[in-house]
Amino acid sequence: MTINEMIHKTLMAGLGVPEKINEVVDELVKKGELSESQGANLIRECSEKVSRTGDEINKTVSDLIDRALEKMNIPTRDEVGKLNKKITTLSSKIKKLEESSKAG
């Protein structure tokens, strides 16, 4: 689970969104204003909207984190990975040069 997903789930749980949706729909079904299938559809639709909103929140948080890291001049995971590959390649080349200089 990513940080963004944890933030989203925490926000939604903190706001009580899933529970409130279920409570409202259950009440409407009890009053006869919705059938059980309509209630299930409503819960599904609301959950999808919450999920889409969560995806938007995740993207926004990711963008904010990326911009903050960029401003602080902190390398991204990809940049560190590329540097590690370069270091490995250079280390290998240095080792080969050292071996060839000892042999020659």
C-alpha atoms as a PDB file:
ATOM      1  CA  MET A   1       0.000   0.000   0.000  1.00  0.00           C
ATOM      2  CA  THR A   2       1.415   3.390  -0.997  1.00  0.00           C
ATOM      3  CA  ILE A   3       1.518   6.474   1.182  1.00  0.00           C
ATOM      4  CA  ASN A   4      -1.156   8.043  -1.000  1.00  0.00           C
ATOM      5  CA  GLU A   5      -3.457   5.061  -0.569  1.00  0.00           C
ATOM      6  CA  MET A   6      -2.946   5.152   3.196  1.00  0.00           C
ATOM      7  CA  ILE A   7      -3.722   8.884   3.262  1.00  0.00           C
ATOM      8  CA  HIS A   8      -6.875   8.336   1.202  1.00  0.00           C
ATOM      9  CA  LYS A   9      -8.124   5.459   3.362  1.00  0.00           C
ATOM     10  CA  THR A  10      -7.348   7.392   6.525  1.00  0.00           C
ATOM     11  CA  LEU A  11      -9.198  10.467   5.270  1.00  0.00           C
ATOM     12  CA  MET A  12     -12.219   8.454   4.173  1.00  0.00           C
ATOM     13  CA  ALA A  13     -12.324   6.454   7.403  1.00  0.00           C
ATOM     14  CA  GLY A  14     -11.793   9.609   9.465  1.00  0.00           C
ATOM     15  CA  LEU A  15     -14.680  11.262   7.737  1.00  0.00           C
ATOM     16  CA  GLY A  16     -16.759   8.119   8.200  1.00  0.00           C
ATOM     17  CA  VAL A  17     -17.723   8.149   4.534  1.00  0.00           C
ATOM     18  CA  PRO A  18     -18.290   4.420   3.979  1.00  0.00           C
ATOM     19  CA  GLU A  19     -20.266   4.027   7.199  1.00  0.00           C
ATOM     20  CA  LYS A  20     -22.398   7.107   6.553  1.00  0.00           C
ATOM     21  CA  ILE A  21     -23.240   5.961   3.028  1.00  0.00           C
ATOM     22  CA  ASN A  22     -24.314   2.560   4.334  1.00  0.00           C
ATOM     23  CA  GLU A  23     -26.337   4.112   7.168  1.00  0.00           C
ATOM     24  CA  VAL A  24     -28.221   6.468   4.847  1.00  0.00           C
ATOM     25  CA  VAL A  25     -28.948   3.759   2.296  1.00  0.00           C
ATOM     26  CA  ASP A  26     -30.026   1.287   4.994  1.00  0.00           C
ATOM     27  CA  GLU A  27     -32.413   3.904   6.397  1.00  0.00           C
ATOM     28  CA  LEU A  28     -33.880   4.588   2.946  1.00  0.00           C
ATOM     29  CA  VAL A  29     -34.363   0.856   2.365  1.00  0.00           C
ATOM     30  CA  LYS A  30     -36.068   0.478   5.789  1.00  0.00           C
ATOM     31  CA  LYS A  31     -38.416   3.371   4.979  1.00  0.00           C
ATOM     32  CA  GLY A  32     -39.246   1.727   1.676  1.00  0.00           C
ATOM     33  CA  GLU A  33     -37.942   4.656  -0.348  1.00  0.00           C
ATOM     34  CA  LEU A  34     -35.395   2.375  -2.027  1.00  0.00           C
ATOM     35  CA  SER A  35     -35.451  -1.298  -2.872  1.00  0.00           C
ATOM     36  CA  GLU A  36     -32.532  -3.421  -1.733  1.00  0.00           C
ATOM     37  CA  SER A  37     -31.180  -3.586  -5.287  1.00  0.00           C
ATOM     38  CA  GLN A  38     -31.475   0.207  -5.649  1.00  0.00           C
ATOM     39  CA  GLY A  39     -29.690   0.577  -2.331  1.00  0.00           C
ATOM     40  CA  ALA A  40     -26.911  -1.736  -3.448  1.00  0.00           C
ATOM     41  CA  ASN A  41     -26.568   0.233  -6.696  1.00  0.00           C
ATOM     42  CA  LEU A  42     -26.468   3.514  -4.795  1.00  0.00           C
ATOM     43  CA  ILE A  43     -23.770   2.206  -2.457  1.00  0.00           C
ATOM     44  CA  ARG A  44     -21.757   0.985  -5.467  1.00  0.00           C
ATOM     45  CA  GLU A  45     -22.108   4.333  -7.257  1.00  0.00           C
ATOM     46  CA  CYS A  46     -21.121   6.285  -4.154  1.00  0.00           C
ATOM     47  CA  SER A  47     -18.161   3.995  -3.557  1.00  0.00           C
ATOM     48  CA  GLU A  48     -17.016   4.530  -7.143  1.00  0.00           C
ATOM     49  CA  LYS A  49     -17.267   8.304  -6.728  1.00  0.00           C
ATOM     50  CA  VAL A  50     -15.332   8.150  -3.467  1.00  0.00           C
ATOM     51  CA  SER A  51     -12.724   5.998  -5.193  1.00  0.00           C
ATOM     52  CA  ARG A  52     -12.399   8.471  -8.086  1.00  0.00           C
ATOM     53  CA  THR A  53     -12.083  11.314  -5.583  1.00  0.00           C
ATOM     54  CA  GLY A  54      -9.464   9.260  -3.750  1.00  0.00           C
ATOM     55  CA  ASP A  55      -7.545   8.786  -6.999  1.00  0.00           C
ATOM     56  CA  GLU A  56      -7.621  12.546  -7.543  1.00  0.00           C
ATOM     57  CA  ILE A  57      -6.381  13.110  -3.982  1.00  0.00           C
ATOM     58  CA  ASN A  58      -3.598  10.558  -4.559  1.00  0.00           C
ATOM     59  CA  LYS A  59      -2.503  12.320  -7.742  1.00  0.00           C
ATOM     60  CA  THR A  60      -2.566  15.715  -6.043  1.00  0.00           C
ATOM     61  CA  VAL A  61      -0.555  14.453  -3.065  1.00  0.00           C
ATOM     62  CA  SER A  62       1.946  12.760  -5.391  1.00  0.00           C
ATOM     63  CA  ASP A  63       2.354  15.944  -7.405  1.00  0.00           C
ATOM     64  CA  LEU A  64       2.861  17.995  -4.233  1.00  0.00           C
ATOM     65  CA  ILE A  65       5.460  15.545  -2.922  1.00  0.00           C
ATOM     66  CA  ASP A  66       7.271  15.484  -6.278  1.00  0.00           C
ATOM     67  CA  ARG A  67       7.390  19.285  -6.415  1.00  0.00           C
ATOM     68  CA  ALA A  68       8.592  19.503  -2.811  1.00  0.00           C
ATOM     69  CA  LEU A  69      11.355  16.967  -3.461  1.00  0.00           C
ATOM     70  CA  GLU A  70      12.336  18.818  -6.612  1.00  0.00           C
ATOM     71  CA  LYS A  71      12.539  22.132  -4.735  1.00  0.00           C
ATOM     72  CA  MET A  72      14.657  20.504  -2.039  1.00  0.00           C
ATOM     73  CA  ASN A  73      16.829  19.026  -4.786  1.00  0.00           C
ATOM     74  CA  ILE A  74      16.304  15.484  -3.458  1.00  0.00           C
ATOM     75  CA  PRO A  75      16.700  12.813  -6.132  1.00  0.00           C
ATOM     76  CA  THR A  76      13.771  10.591  -7.018  1.00  0.00           C
ATOM     77  CA  ARG A  77      13.863   6.804  -6.723  1.00  0.00           C
ATOM     78  CA  ASP A  78      14.381   6.554 -10.501  1.00  0.00           C
ATOM     79  CA  GLU A  79      17.295   8.984 -10.391  1.00  0.00           C
ATOM     80  CA  VAL A  80      18.930   7.060  -7.546  1.00  0.00           C
ATOM     81  CA  GLY A  81      18.403   3.822  -9.484  1.00  0.00           C
ATOM     82  CA  LYS A  82      20.085   5.285 -12.562  1.00  0.00           C
ATOM     83  CA  LEU A  83      23.006   6.486 -10.453  1.00  0.00           C
ATOM     84  CA  ASN A  84      23.363   3.031  -8.908  1.00  0.00           C
ATOM     85  CA  LYS A  85      23.522   1.470 -12.377  1.00  0.00           C
ATOM     86  CA  LYS A  86      26.190   3.971 -13.441  1.00  0.00           C
ATOM     87  CA  ILE A  87      28.212   3.276 -10.298  1.00  0.00           C
ATOM     88  CA  THR A  88      28.007  -0.471 -10.916  1.00  0.00           C
ATOM     89  CA  THR A  89      29.113  -0.006 -14.523  1.00  0.00           C
ATOM     90  CA  LEU A  90      31.981   2.284 -13.557  1.00  0.00           C
ATOM     91  CA  SER A  91      33.088  -0.071 -10.770  1.00  0.00           C
ATOM     92  CA  SER A  92      33.157  -2.936 -13.244  1.00  0.00           C
ATOM     93  CA  LYS A  93      35.233  -0.898 -15.710  1.00  0.00           C
ATOM     94  CA  ILE A  94      37.682   0.159 -12.983  1.00  0.00           C
ATOM     95  CA  LYS A  95      38.068  -3.460 -11.884  1.00  0.00           C
ATOM     96  CA  LYS A  96      38.813  -4.534 -15.472  1.00  0.00           C
ATOM     97  CA  LEU A  97      41.362  -1.714 -15.864  1.00  0.00           C
ATOM     98  CA  GLU A  98      43.062  -2.683 -12.596  1.00  0.00           C
ATOM     99  CA  GLU A  99      43.220  -6.328 -13.688  1.00  0.00           C
ATOM    100  CA  SER A 100      44.636  -5.424 -17.083  1.00  0.00           C
ATOM    101  CA  SER A 101      47.251  -3.108 -15.545  1.00  0.00           C
ATOM    102  CA  LYS A 102      48.389  -5.889 -13.165  1.00  0.00           C
ATOM    103  CA  ALA A 103      48.654  -8.335 -16.049  1.00  0.00           C
ATOM    104  CA  GLY A 104      50.558  -5.911 -18.277  1.00  0.00           C
END
